[in-house]
N, C-alpha and C. Protein backbone atom coordinates (compact mmCIF):
# COMPACT_ATOMS: atom_id res chain seq x y z
N ALA A 1 62.77 57.20 -27.08
CA ALA A 1 64.10 57.78 -27.05
C ALA A 1 64.02 59.19 -26.49
N PHE A 2 65.05 59.56 -25.78
CA PHE A 2 65.11 60.89 -25.21
C PHE A 2 65.85 61.83 -26.13
N ALA A 3 65.46 63.09 -26.11
CA ALA A 3 66.15 64.10 -26.91
C ALA A 3 67.45 64.49 -26.22
N THR A 4 68.40 64.93 -27.01
CA THR A 4 69.66 65.41 -26.47
C THR A 4 69.50 66.87 -26.07
N PRO A 5 69.87 67.24 -24.84
CA PRO A 5 69.74 68.64 -24.42
C PRO A 5 70.55 69.57 -25.33
N LYS A 6 69.95 70.71 -25.64
CA LYS A 6 70.65 71.71 -26.45
C LYS A 6 71.49 72.64 -25.59
N ARG A 7 70.99 72.91 -24.38
CA ARG A 7 71.76 73.70 -23.43
C ARG A 7 71.14 73.53 -22.05
N THR A 8 71.92 73.85 -21.05
CA THR A 8 71.44 73.84 -19.68
C THR A 8 71.75 75.20 -19.06
N PHE A 9 71.10 75.51 -17.97
CA PHE A 9 71.38 76.76 -17.27
C PHE A 9 70.97 76.60 -15.82
N ASP A 10 71.62 77.38 -14.97
CA ASP A 10 71.27 77.41 -13.55
C ASP A 10 70.09 78.35 -13.36
N VAL A 11 69.22 78.02 -12.43
CA VAL A 11 68.07 78.86 -12.10
C VAL A 11 68.32 79.48 -10.74
N THR A 12 68.11 80.81 -10.67
CA THR A 12 68.35 81.52 -9.41
C THR A 12 67.19 82.45 -9.08
N LEU A 13 66.98 82.63 -7.79
CA LEU A 13 66.00 83.58 -7.27
C LEU A 13 66.76 84.53 -6.36
N ARG A 14 66.87 85.77 -6.78
CA ARG A 14 67.65 86.79 -6.05
C ARG A 14 69.07 86.29 -5.76
N GLY A 15 69.66 85.61 -6.75
CA GLY A 15 71.05 85.16 -6.64
C GLY A 15 71.24 83.82 -5.96
N VAL A 16 70.16 83.23 -5.44
CA VAL A 16 70.26 81.95 -4.74
C VAL A 16 69.77 80.84 -5.68
N PRO A 17 70.53 79.75 -5.82
CA PRO A 17 70.09 78.66 -6.70
C PRO A 17 68.73 78.09 -6.28
N VAL A 18 67.89 77.81 -7.26
CA VAL A 18 66.60 77.16 -7.02
C VAL A 18 66.77 75.69 -7.42
N LEU A 19 66.55 74.80 -6.47
CA LEU A 19 66.77 73.37 -6.67
C LEU A 19 65.44 72.63 -6.74
N ARG A 20 65.48 71.37 -7.11
CA ARG A 20 64.34 70.46 -7.13
C ARG A 20 63.22 70.91 -8.07
N LEU A 21 63.60 71.46 -9.22
CA LEU A 21 62.59 71.87 -10.19
C LEU A 21 61.97 70.63 -10.82
N ASN A 22 60.66 70.69 -11.00
CA ASN A 22 59.90 69.54 -11.45
C ASN A 22 58.75 70.05 -12.32
N GLU A 23 58.28 69.21 -13.23
CA GLU A 23 57.11 69.52 -14.04
C GLU A 23 57.26 70.85 -14.76
N LEU A 24 58.01 70.84 -15.83
CA LEU A 24 58.31 72.06 -16.60
C LEU A 24 57.27 72.28 -17.69
N GLU A 25 56.92 73.55 -17.91
CA GLU A 25 56.00 73.91 -18.98
C GLU A 25 56.43 75.26 -19.54
N PHE A 26 56.54 75.34 -20.87
CA PHE A 26 56.93 76.58 -21.53
C PHE A 26 55.67 77.37 -21.84
N ILE A 27 55.56 78.57 -21.25
CA ILE A 27 54.35 79.39 -21.39
C ILE A 27 54.74 80.81 -21.80
N ASN A 28 54.35 81.17 -23.00
CA ASN A 28 54.56 82.53 -23.51
C ASN A 28 55.97 83.06 -23.30
N GLY A 29 56.94 82.24 -23.64
CA GLY A 29 58.33 82.68 -23.59
C GLY A 29 59.04 82.45 -22.27
N TYR A 30 58.34 81.91 -21.29
CA TYR A 30 58.93 81.64 -19.98
C TYR A 30 58.78 80.17 -19.63
N LEU A 31 59.69 79.67 -18.84
CA LEU A 31 59.63 78.31 -18.35
C LEU A 31 59.00 78.32 -16.96
N TRP A 32 57.91 77.60 -16.81
CA TRP A 32 57.27 77.45 -15.50
C TRP A 32 57.69 76.11 -14.93
N ALA A 33 57.95 76.08 -13.63
CA ALA A 33 58.34 74.83 -12.97
C ALA A 33 57.84 74.85 -11.53
N ASN A 34 57.33 73.71 -11.09
CA ASN A 34 57.02 73.67 -9.67
C ASN A 34 58.27 73.19 -8.93
N ILE A 35 58.38 73.61 -7.70
CA ILE A 35 59.48 73.17 -6.85
C ILE A 35 58.97 71.93 -6.11
N TRP A 36 59.62 70.80 -6.39
CA TRP A 36 59.18 69.50 -5.91
C TRP A 36 58.93 69.51 -4.41
N GLN A 37 57.82 68.87 -4.03
CA GLN A 37 57.40 68.73 -2.63
C GLN A 37 56.98 70.05 -2.00
N THR A 38 56.64 71.05 -2.83
CA THR A 38 56.11 72.32 -2.31
C THR A 38 54.87 72.69 -3.10
N ASN A 39 54.22 73.76 -2.69
CA ASN A 39 53.08 74.33 -3.42
C ASN A 39 53.51 75.53 -4.25
N ASN A 40 54.79 75.63 -4.55
CA ASN A 40 55.32 76.81 -5.23
C ASN A 40 55.68 76.52 -6.68
N ILE A 41 55.37 77.49 -7.53
CA ILE A 41 55.76 77.46 -8.94
C ILE A 41 56.62 78.69 -9.19
N VAL A 42 57.70 78.50 -9.95
CA VAL A 42 58.54 79.62 -10.34
C VAL A 42 58.42 79.83 -11.84
N VAL A 43 58.51 81.09 -12.24
CA VAL A 43 58.49 81.47 -13.65
C VAL A 43 59.90 81.94 -13.99
N ILE A 44 60.51 81.30 -14.98
CA ILE A 44 61.95 81.47 -15.24
C ILE A 44 62.19 82.11 -16.60
N ASP A 45 63.06 83.10 -16.62
CA ASP A 45 63.55 83.67 -17.87
C ASP A 45 64.63 82.71 -18.38
N THR A 46 64.40 82.09 -19.53
CA THR A 46 65.33 81.06 -20.00
C THR A 46 66.63 81.64 -20.54
N LEU A 47 66.69 82.93 -20.81
CA LEU A 47 67.95 83.52 -21.27
C LEU A 47 68.90 83.77 -20.11
N SER A 48 68.36 84.22 -18.99
CA SER A 48 69.20 84.55 -17.84
C SER A 48 69.19 83.47 -16.76
N GLY A 49 68.15 82.64 -16.72
CA GLY A 49 68.00 81.65 -15.65
C GLY A 49 67.42 82.25 -14.39
N LYS A 50 67.08 83.53 -14.43
CA LYS A 50 66.54 84.20 -13.24
C LYS A 50 65.04 83.96 -13.11
N VAL A 51 64.60 83.76 -11.87
CA VAL A 51 63.18 83.66 -11.58
C VAL A 51 62.59 85.06 -11.67
N VAL A 52 61.56 85.20 -12.50
CA VAL A 52 60.93 86.51 -12.70
C VAL A 52 59.55 86.58 -12.06
N GLY A 53 59.09 85.46 -11.53
CA GLY A 53 57.80 85.44 -10.85
C GLY A 53 57.63 84.16 -10.06
N THR A 54 56.80 84.21 -9.04
CA THR A 54 56.50 83.04 -8.23
C THR A 54 55.00 82.95 -8.01
N LEU A 55 54.51 81.74 -7.88
CA LEU A 55 53.12 81.51 -7.55
C LEU A 55 53.06 80.60 -6.34
N ASP A 56 52.32 81.01 -5.32
CA ASP A 56 52.10 80.17 -4.15
C ASP A 56 50.72 79.54 -4.33
N CYS A 57 50.69 78.24 -4.55
CA CYS A 57 49.44 77.52 -4.83
C CYS A 57 48.84 76.88 -3.60
N THR A 58 49.31 77.29 -2.42
CA THR A 58 48.74 76.79 -1.18
C THR A 58 47.24 77.10 -1.17
N GLY A 59 46.45 76.12 -0.82
CA GLY A 59 45.01 76.32 -0.75
C GLY A 59 44.28 76.06 -2.06
N LEU A 60 45.02 75.78 -3.12
CA LEU A 60 44.36 75.48 -4.40
C LEU A 60 43.47 74.25 -4.25
N LEU A 61 44.01 73.18 -3.68
CA LEU A 61 43.23 71.99 -3.39
C LEU A 61 42.65 72.16 -1.99
N ARG A 62 41.37 72.43 -1.95
CA ARG A 62 40.71 72.66 -0.66
C ARG A 62 40.32 71.33 -0.02
N PRO A 63 40.37 71.24 1.30
CA PRO A 63 40.01 69.98 1.98
C PRO A 63 38.63 69.45 1.58
N GLN A 64 37.67 70.33 1.38
CA GLN A 64 36.32 69.88 1.01
C GLN A 64 36.24 69.31 -0.41
N ASP A 65 37.29 69.50 -1.21
CA ASP A 65 37.33 68.95 -2.57
C ASP A 65 37.91 67.54 -2.60
N VAL A 66 38.44 67.07 -1.49
CA VAL A 66 39.07 65.76 -1.43
C VAL A 66 38.04 64.73 -0.95
N PRO A 67 37.77 63.71 -1.77
CA PRO A 67 36.81 62.70 -1.35
C PRO A 67 37.27 61.99 -0.07
N SER A 68 36.32 61.55 0.72
CA SER A 68 36.62 60.83 1.94
C SER A 68 37.51 59.62 1.65
N GLY A 69 38.58 59.47 2.40
CA GLY A 69 39.50 58.37 2.23
C GLY A 69 40.58 58.58 1.18
N ALA A 70 40.46 59.64 0.40
CA ALA A 70 41.48 59.91 -0.63
C ALA A 70 42.74 60.47 0.02
N ARG A 71 43.87 60.23 -0.63
CA ARG A 71 45.14 60.71 -0.11
C ARG A 71 45.88 61.46 -1.22
N PRO A 72 45.48 62.71 -1.50
CA PRO A 72 46.17 63.46 -2.54
C PRO A 72 47.60 63.76 -2.14
N ASP A 73 48.44 63.92 -3.13
CA ASP A 73 49.87 64.17 -2.89
C ASP A 73 50.19 65.59 -3.37
N VAL A 74 51.41 65.82 -3.77
CA VAL A 74 51.93 67.15 -4.05
C VAL A 74 51.46 67.73 -5.39
N LEU A 75 51.48 69.05 -5.44
CA LEU A 75 51.29 69.79 -6.69
C LEU A 75 52.37 69.35 -7.66
N ASN A 76 52.00 68.97 -8.87
CA ASN A 76 53.04 68.63 -9.84
C ASN A 76 52.54 68.60 -11.27
N GLY A 77 51.46 69.26 -11.57
CA GLY A 77 50.96 69.26 -12.94
C GLY A 77 50.74 70.67 -13.44
N ILE A 78 51.43 71.05 -14.51
CA ILE A 78 51.25 72.35 -15.15
C ILE A 78 50.98 72.07 -16.62
N ALA A 79 49.90 72.63 -17.14
CA ALA A 79 49.59 72.47 -18.56
C ALA A 79 49.18 73.82 -19.14
N PHE A 80 49.48 74.03 -20.41
CA PHE A 80 49.17 75.29 -21.08
C PHE A 80 48.58 75.00 -22.44
N ASP A 81 47.45 75.63 -22.73
CA ASP A 81 46.83 75.53 -24.05
C ASP A 81 47.14 76.83 -24.79
N SER A 82 48.05 76.76 -25.74
CA SER A 82 48.49 77.97 -26.44
C SER A 82 47.39 78.57 -27.32
N ASN A 83 46.43 77.76 -27.72
CA ASN A 83 45.33 78.29 -28.54
C ASN A 83 44.40 79.18 -27.73
N THR A 84 44.12 78.79 -26.50
CA THR A 84 43.19 79.54 -25.66
C THR A 84 43.89 80.37 -24.59
N GLN A 85 45.21 80.17 -24.44
CA GLN A 85 46.01 80.84 -23.41
C GLN A 85 45.57 80.45 -22.00
N ARG A 86 45.00 79.27 -21.85
CA ARG A 86 44.55 78.80 -20.55
C ARG A 86 45.65 77.99 -19.87
N ILE A 87 45.77 78.17 -18.55
CA ILE A 87 46.76 77.47 -17.73
C ILE A 87 45.99 76.59 -16.75
N TRP A 88 46.46 75.34 -16.64
CA TRP A 88 45.82 74.35 -15.78
C TRP A 88 46.84 73.80 -14.79
N LEU A 89 46.42 73.61 -13.54
CA LEU A 89 47.29 73.04 -12.50
C LEU A 89 46.58 71.87 -11.83
N THR A 90 47.38 70.89 -11.41
CA THR A 90 46.85 69.77 -10.65
C THR A 90 47.99 69.14 -9.86
N GLY A 91 47.71 68.03 -9.21
CA GLY A 91 48.74 67.35 -8.43
C GLY A 91 48.55 65.85 -8.49
N LYS A 92 49.47 65.14 -7.89
CA LYS A 92 49.37 63.68 -7.85
C LYS A 92 48.15 63.26 -7.04
N ARG A 93 47.33 62.44 -7.65
CA ARG A 93 46.11 61.91 -7.02
C ARG A 93 45.14 63.02 -6.59
N TRP A 94 45.21 64.17 -7.27
CA TRP A 94 44.23 65.22 -6.98
C TRP A 94 42.94 64.89 -7.73
N PRO A 95 41.78 65.13 -7.13
CA PRO A 95 40.53 64.81 -7.79
C PRO A 95 40.08 65.85 -8.81
N LYS A 96 40.79 66.98 -8.88
CA LYS A 96 40.39 68.05 -9.78
C LYS A 96 41.59 68.64 -10.51
N ILE A 97 41.27 69.28 -11.62
CA ILE A 97 42.24 70.09 -12.36
C ILE A 97 41.73 71.52 -12.28
N TYR A 98 42.63 72.47 -12.02
CA TYR A 98 42.22 73.84 -11.79
C TYR A 98 42.74 74.74 -12.90
N GLU A 99 41.83 75.52 -13.47
CA GLU A 99 42.26 76.55 -14.41
C GLU A 99 42.64 77.77 -13.57
N VAL A 100 43.80 78.34 -13.84
CA VAL A 100 44.24 79.52 -13.09
C VAL A 100 44.46 80.68 -14.05
N LYS A 101 44.21 81.86 -13.55
CA LYS A 101 44.49 83.08 -14.29
C LYS A 101 45.53 83.84 -13.49
N VAL A 102 46.57 84.28 -14.19
CA VAL A 102 47.68 84.95 -13.52
C VAL A 102 47.76 86.38 -14.04
N ASN A 103 47.79 87.32 -13.14
CA ASN A 103 47.99 88.72 -13.52
C ASN A 103 49.46 88.95 -13.78
N THR A 104 49.78 89.56 -14.90
CA THR A 104 51.19 89.81 -15.21
C THR A 104 51.54 91.26 -15.07
């Protein structure tokens, strides 16, 4: 069964709506979401809906990390371990999971 939404909000970056948000993860008071079919992640203030940070993950999956014949797809995995404060990223059919450190 699905939960009933408690509220919704529009997400904007410098006043422009951000569409196609995918793979949401709540990290230290902010909502992280990748923008579907891109290598970009936005960090969202859930009170205002404003994007307060962006991450360009281009190059995270290096060509030499892809096994011969494999066909990896888009970035779409965000995970957070609140006990260790570690952030992990991956994608569809990616052969690896990457721990990332973000300067705030």
